[in-house]
C-alpha atoms as a PDB file:
ATOM      1  CA  MET A   1       0.000   0.000   0.000  1.00  0.00           C
ATOM      2  CA  GLU A   2       2.860   2.401   0.881  1.00  0.00           C
ATOM      3  CA  PHE A   3       4.493   1.717  -2.506  1.00  0.00           C
ATOM      4  CA  GLU A   4       1.247   2.494  -4.340  1.00  0.00           C
ATOM      5  CA  ILE A   5       0.873   5.779  -2.459  1.00  0.00           C
ATOM      6  CA  SER A   6       4.443   6.695  -3.397  1.00  0.00           C
ATOM      7  CA  ILE A   7       3.725   6.008  -7.089  1.00  0.00           C
ATOM      8  CA  ILE A   8       0.521   8.071  -6.920  1.00  0.00           C
ATOM      9  CA  GLU A   9       2.440  10.975  -5.299  1.00  0.00           C
ATOM     10  CA  GLN A  10       5.165  10.774  -7.973  1.00  0.00           C
ATOM     11  CA  SER A  11       2.538  10.687 -10.704  1.00  0.00           C
ATOM     12  CA  ALA A  12       0.814  13.720  -9.181  1.00  0.00           C
ATOM     13  CA  ARG A  13       4.148  15.621  -9.073  1.00  0.00           C
ATOM     14  CA  LEU A  14       4.858  14.712 -12.716  1.00  0.00           C
ATOM     15  CA  ALA A  15       1.350  15.768 -13.740  1.00  0.00           C
ATOM     16  CA  SER A  16       1.835  19.046 -11.879  1.00  0.00           C
ATOM     17  CA  ILE A  17       5.129  19.673 -13.693  1.00  0.00           C
ATOM     18  CA  ALA A  18       3.501  18.887 -17.052  1.00  0.00           C
ATOM     19  CA  ILE A  19       0.636  21.293 -16.317  1.00  0.00           C
ATOM     20  CA  GLU A  20       3.089  24.042 -15.264  1.00  0.00           C
ATOM     21  CA  LYS A  21       5.105  23.546 -18.476  1.00  0.00           C
ATOM     22  CA  SER A  22       1.931  23.687 -20.541  1.00  0.00           C
ATOM     23  CA  ILE A  23       0.848  26.926 -18.834  1.00  0.00           C
ATOM     24  CA  ALA A  24       4.339  28.424 -19.326  1.00  0.00           C
ATOM     25  CA  ALA A  25       4.309  27.464 -23.019  1.00  0.00           C
ATOM     26  CA  GLU A  26       0.891  29.089 -23.450  1.00  0.00           C
ATOM     27  CA  LYS A  27       2.094  32.270 -21.724  1.00  0.00           C
ATOM     28  CA  LEU A  28       5.161  32.300 -23.993  1.00  0.00           C
ATOM     29  CA  ARG A  29       2.957  31.955 -27.095  1.00  0.00           C
ATOM     30  CA  ASP A  30       0.758  34.812 -25.855  1.00  0.00           C
ATOM     31  CA  SER A  31       3.824  36.940 -25.142  1.00  0.00           C
ATOM     32  CA  GLU A  32       5.251  36.247 -28.613  1.00  0.00           C
ATOM     33  CA  ALA A  33       1.915  37.144 -30.227  1.00  0.00           C
ATOM     34  CA  LEU A  34       1.840  40.416 -28.287  1.00  0.00           C
ATOM     35  CA  TYR A  35       5.453  41.149 -29.299  1.00  0.00           C
ATOM     36  CA  ARG A  36       4.607  40.574 -32.967  1.00  0.00           C
ATOM     37  CA  LEU A  37       1.549  42.795 -32.656  1.00  0.00           C
ATOM     38  CA  LEU A  38       3.507  45.611 -31.025  1.00  0.00           C
ATOM     39  CA  THR A  39       6.538  45.481 -33.322  1.00  0.00           C
ATOM     40  CA  GLU A  40       5.399  44.069 -36.632  1.00  0.00           C
ATOM     41  CA  ASP A  41       1.871  45.327 -37.163  1.00  0.00           C
ATOM     42  CA  VAL A  42       2.565  49.053 -36.820  1.00  0.00           C
ATOM     43  CA  SER A  43       3.379  51.770 -39.336  1.00  0.00           C
ATOM     44  CA  ASP A  44       6.387  53.084 -37.396  1.00  0.00           C
ATOM     45  CA  VAL A  45       9.716  51.293 -37.754  1.00  0.00           C
ATOM     46  CA  VAL A  46      10.920  49.661 -34.542  1.00  0.00           C
ATOM     47  CA  TRP A  47      14.662  49.021 -34.479  1.00  0.00           C
ATOM     48  CA  LYS A  48      17.625  48.052 -32.327  1.00  0.00           C
ATOM     49  CA  THR A  49      21.388  48.463 -32.794  1.00  0.00           C
ATOM     50  CA  ASP A  50      24.545  47.399 -31.040  1.00  0.00           C
ATOM     51  CA  ARG A  51      26.793  50.017 -29.448  1.00  0.00           C
ATOM     52  CA  ASP A  52      28.615  50.548 -32.768  1.00  0.00           C
ATOM     53  CA  LEU A  53      25.308  51.367 -34.517  1.00  0.00           C
ATOM     54  CA  HIS A  54      25.034  48.123 -36.482  1.00  0.00           C
ATOM     55  CA  ILE A  55      21.399  47.129 -36.858  1.00  0.00           C
ATOM     56  CA  THR A  56      20.458  44.012 -34.888  1.00  0.00           C
ATOM     57  CA  TYR A  57      16.675  44.195 -35.368  1.00  0.00           C
ATOM     58  CA  ILE A  58      14.349  46.123 -37.656  1.00  0.00           C
ATOM     59  CA  SER A  59      10.592  45.646 -37.903  1.00  0.00           C
ATOM     60  CA  PRO A  60       8.741  44.767 -41.122  1.00  0.00           C
ATOM     61  CA  ALA A  61       7.483  48.359 -41.299  1.00  0.00           C
ATOM     62  CA  ASP A  62      10.861  49.270 -42.817  1.00  0.00           C
ATOM     63  CA  ALA A  63      10.065  47.080 -45.847  1.00  0.00           C
ATOM     64  CA  ARG A  64       6.783  48.955 -46.296  1.00  0.00           C
ATOM     65  CA  LEU A  65       8.397  52.351 -45.705  1.00  0.00           C
ATOM     66  CA  ARG A  66      11.831  52.178 -47.375  1.00  0.00           C
ATOM     67  CA  GLY A  67      11.559  48.932 -49.334  1.00  0.00           C
ATOM     68  CA  TYR A  68      14.270  46.999 -47.475  1.00  0.00           C
ATOM     69  CA  ARG A  69      13.626  43.571 -45.960  1.00  0.00           C
ATOM     70  CA  ALA A  70      15.146  42.940 -42.536  1.00  0.00           C
ATOM     71  CA  ASP A  71      17.745  40.533 -43.965  1.00  0.00           C
ATOM     72  CA  GLU A  72      18.987  43.351 -46.228  1.00  0.00           C
ATOM     73  CA  VAL A  73      19.501  45.687 -43.272  1.00  0.00           C
ATOM     74  CA  ILE A  74      20.520  43.622 -40.235  1.00  0.00           C
ATOM     75  CA  GLY A  75      24.265  43.809 -39.650  1.00  0.00           C
ATOM     76  CA  HIS A  76      24.600  47.039 -41.619  1.00  0.00           C
ATOM     77  CA  HIS A  77      25.588  50.370 -40.071  1.00  0.00           C
ATOM     78  CA  VAL A  78      22.757  52.851 -39.534  1.00  0.00           C
ATOM     79  CA  PHE A  79      24.613  55.470 -41.554  1.00  0.00           C
ATOM     80  CA  GLU A  80      23.730  53.455 -44.663  1.00  0.00           C
ATOM     81  CA  MET A  81      20.088  54.394 -44.042  1.00  0.00           C
ATOM     82  CA  PHE A  82      20.668  58.153 -44.092  1.00  0.00           C
ATOM     83  CA  THR A  83      21.664  60.849 -46.558  1.00  0.00           C
ATOM     84  CA  GLU A  84      24.910  62.742 -45.851  1.00  0.00           C
ATOM     85  CA  GLU A  85      22.884  65.358 -43.995  1.00  0.00           C
ATOM     86  CA  GLY A  86      21.202  62.628 -41.961  1.00  0.00           C
ATOM     87  CA  VAL A  87      24.591  61.141 -41.075  1.00  0.00           C
ATOM     88  CA  ALA A  88      25.712  64.613 -39.947  1.00  0.00           C
ATOM     89  CA  VAL A  89      22.653  64.902 -37.685  1.00  0.00           C
ATOM     90  CA  VAL A  90      23.275  61.478 -36.113  1.00  0.00           C
ATOM     91  CA  THR A  91      26.985  62.211 -35.728  1.00  0.00           C
ATOM     92  CA  GLU A  92      26.177  65.463 -33.930  1.00  0.00           C
ATOM     93  CA  MET A  93      23.712  63.662 -31.658  1.00  0.00           C
ATOM     94  CA  MET A  94      26.420  61.120 -30.801  1.00  0.00           C
ATOM     95  CA  ARG A  95      28.950  63.908 -30.210  1.00  0.00           C
ATOM     96  CA  GLN A  96      26.576  65.612 -27.782  1.00  0.00           C
ATOM     97  CA  GLY A  97      26.159  62.313 -26.006  1.00  0.00           C
ATOM     98  CA  PRO A  98      23.064  60.495 -24.807  1.00  0.00           C
ATOM     99  CA  ASN A  99      23.095  62.434 -21.545  1.00  0.00           C
ATOM    100  CA  SER A 100      22.738  65.787 -23.309  1.00  0.00           C
ATOM    101  CA  GLU A 101      19.560  67.647 -22.423  1.00  0.00           C
ATOM    102  CA  GLN A 102      19.205  69.033 -25.956  1.00  0.00           C
ATOM    103  CA  ASN A 103      16.727  67.016 -28.068  1.00  0.00           C
ATOM    104  CA  ARG A 104      15.938  64.630 -25.196  1.00  0.00           C
ATOM    105  CA  THR A 105      12.365  63.877 -24.179  1.00  0.00           C
ATOM    106  CA  GLN A 106      11.169  63.423 -20.625  1.00  0.00           C
ATOM    107  CA  SER A 107      11.280  59.634 -21.063  1.00  0.00           C
ATOM    108  CA  GLY A 108      14.986  59.728 -21.887  1.00  0.00           C
ATOM    109  CA  PHE A 109      14.533  59.270 -25.618  1.00  0.00           C
ATOM    110  CA  ILE A 110      16.623  61.441 -27.897  1.00  0.00           C
ATOM    111  CA  THR A 111      14.571  62.878 -30.716  1.00  0.00           C
ATOM    112  CA  PHE A 112      15.803  64.160 -34.063  1.00  0.00           C
ATOM    113  CA  GLU A 113      14.789  64.368 -37.709  1.00  0.00           C
ATOM    114  CA  ALA A 114      16.884  62.925 -40.539  1.00  0.00           C
ATOM    115  CA  GLN A 115      16.483  62.187 -44.206  1.00  0.00           C
ATOM    116  CA  HIS A 116      16.496  58.468 -45.091  1.00  0.00           C
ATOM    117  CA  ARG A 117      17.348  56.619 -48.296  1.00  0.00           C
ATOM    118  CA  CYS A 118      14.836  54.196 -49.816  1.00  0.00           C
ATOM    119  CA  LYS A 119      15.671  51.116 -51.858  1.00  0.00           C
ATOM    120  CA  ASP A 120      14.078  52.651 -54.970  1.00  0.00           C
ATOM    121  CA  GLY A 121      16.190  55.822 -54.649  1.00  0.00           C
ATOM    122  CA  ARG A 122      13.528  58.009 -53.050  1.00  0.00           C
ATOM    123  CA  LEU A 123      14.365  60.111 -50.026  1.00  0.00           C
ATOM    124  CA  LEU A 124      12.041  60.485 -47.072  1.00  0.00           C
ATOM    125  CA  TRP A 125      12.143  62.241 -43.759  1.00  0.00           C
ATOM    126  CA  GLY A 126      11.979  60.349 -40.494  1.00  0.00           C
ATOM    127  CA  GLU A 127      11.489  61.486 -36.935  1.00  0.00           C
ATOM    128  CA  VAL A 128      13.737  59.256 -34.856  1.00  0.00           C
ATOM    129  CA  LEU A 129      13.234  58.527 -31.163  1.00  0.00           C
ATOM    130  CA  SER A 130      16.298  56.730 -29.816  1.00  0.00           C
ATOM    131  CA  LYS A 131      17.283  55.569 -26.364  1.00  0.00           C
ATOM    132  CA  PRO A 132      20.598  54.066 -25.256  1.00  0.00           C
ATOM    133  CA  GLU A 133      20.676  50.665 -23.579  1.00  0.00           C
ATOM    134  CA  ARG A 134      23.129  50.327 -20.710  1.00  0.00           C
ATOM    135  CA  ASP A 135      24.680  47.483 -18.756  1.00  0.00           C
ATOM    136  CA  ALA A 136      24.828  47.340 -14.954  1.00  0.00           C
ATOM    137  CA  HIS A 137      27.863  49.678 -14.978  1.00  0.00           C
ATOM    138  CA  GLY A 138      26.119  52.327 -17.094  1.00  0.00           C
ATOM    139  CA  THR A 139      28.108  51.563 -20.239  1.00  0.00           C
ATOM    140  CA  ILE A 140      26.126  51.887 -23.458  1.00  0.00           C
ATOM    141  CA  THR A 141      25.602  48.464 -25.028  1.00  0.00           C
ATOM    142  CA  GLY A 142      23.282  49.515 -27.839  1.00  0.00           C
ATOM    143  CA  TYR A 143      20.340  51.641 -28.817  1.00  0.00           C
ATOM    144  CA  HIS A 144      16.692  51.047 -29.578  1.00  0.00           C
ATOM    145  CA  GLY A 145      13.963  53.227 -30.900  1.00  0.00           C
ATOM    146  CA  ILE A 146      11.245  54.091 -33.329  1.00  0.00           C
ATOM    147  CA  THR A 147      11.324  55.940 -36.629  1.00  0.00           C
ATOM    148  CA  ARG A 148       8.179  57.609 -37.967  1.00  0.00           C
ATOM    149  CA  GLU A 149       7.888  58.997 -41.476  1.00  0.00           C
ATOM    150  CA  ILE A 150       7.321  62.770 -41.506  1.00  0.00           C
ATOM    151  CA  THR A 151       8.001  63.612 -45.179  1.00  0.00           C
ATOM    152  CA  GLU A 152       4.639  65.288 -45.739  1.00  0.00           C
ATOM    153  CA  ARG A 153       4.972  67.335 -42.569  1.00  0.00           C
ATOM    154  CA  LYS A 154       8.471  68.492 -43.611  1.00  0.00           C
ATOM    155  CA  GLN A 155       7.171  69.481 -47.051  1.00  0.00           C
ATOM    156  CA  LEU A 156       4.368  71.515 -45.474  1.00  0.00           C
ATOM    157  CA  GLU A 157       6.848  73.183 -43.117  1.00  0.00           C
ATOM    158  CA  ASP A 158       9.060  74.090 -46.084  1.00  0.00           C
ATOM    159  CA  LEU A 159       6.070  75.563 -47.946  1.00  0.00           C
ATOM    160  CA  ARG A 160       5.106  77.551 -44.866  1.00  0.00           C
ATOM    161  CA  CYS A 161       8.660  78.934 -44.572  1.00  0.00           C
ATOM    162  CA  GLU A 162       8.725  79.850 -48.255  1.00  0.00           C
ATOM    163  CA  PHE A 163       5.350  81.573 -47.871  1.00  0.00           C
ATOM    164  CA  LEU A 164       6.534  83.561 -44.839  1.00  0.00           C
ATOM    165  CA  VAL A 165       9.713  84.623 -46.652  1.00  0.00           C
ATOM    166  CA  ALA A 166       7.639  85.734 -49.651  1.00  0.00           C
ATOM    167  CA  LEU A 167       5.409  87.783 -47.337  1.00  0.00           C
ATOM    168  CA  THR A 168       8.346  89.658 -45.866  1.00  0.00           C
ATOM    169  CA  ARG A 169       9.607  90.812 -49.274  1.00  0.00           C
END
């Protein structure tokens, strides 16, 4: 009788472990579905780089926006995405440092606008929100952020400036 009770207890423990693993697997599937929803089914480009600015992740929105698939971008330096002027903007942001108060939002994101290159040769403007990632010692290990297309807004701003200049003549 004691042996049978021991086998029943072992079986109950094994069943409990199997149930816990099943619940964990379901939670992981739900978490992955949420991740895909938040990063892949949005119009803004979600991205991540290493500390040397080589792209380690880019969402599918970049294919819709600039025409590049992730496998054409991952491993490349972010400067390849920008025009010369865009590279100058990013370089200046890096020179100022991530702790600079200029262009930083309350959440710690650095915000700037830069012109991007598209696969088909077009140029577009992007508003970039970038935040450094740090290790336990505070050393920057990479960056992550979001890029939103603002080409139409920039064109309207340019028209407005041209209109104001014409008015002052």
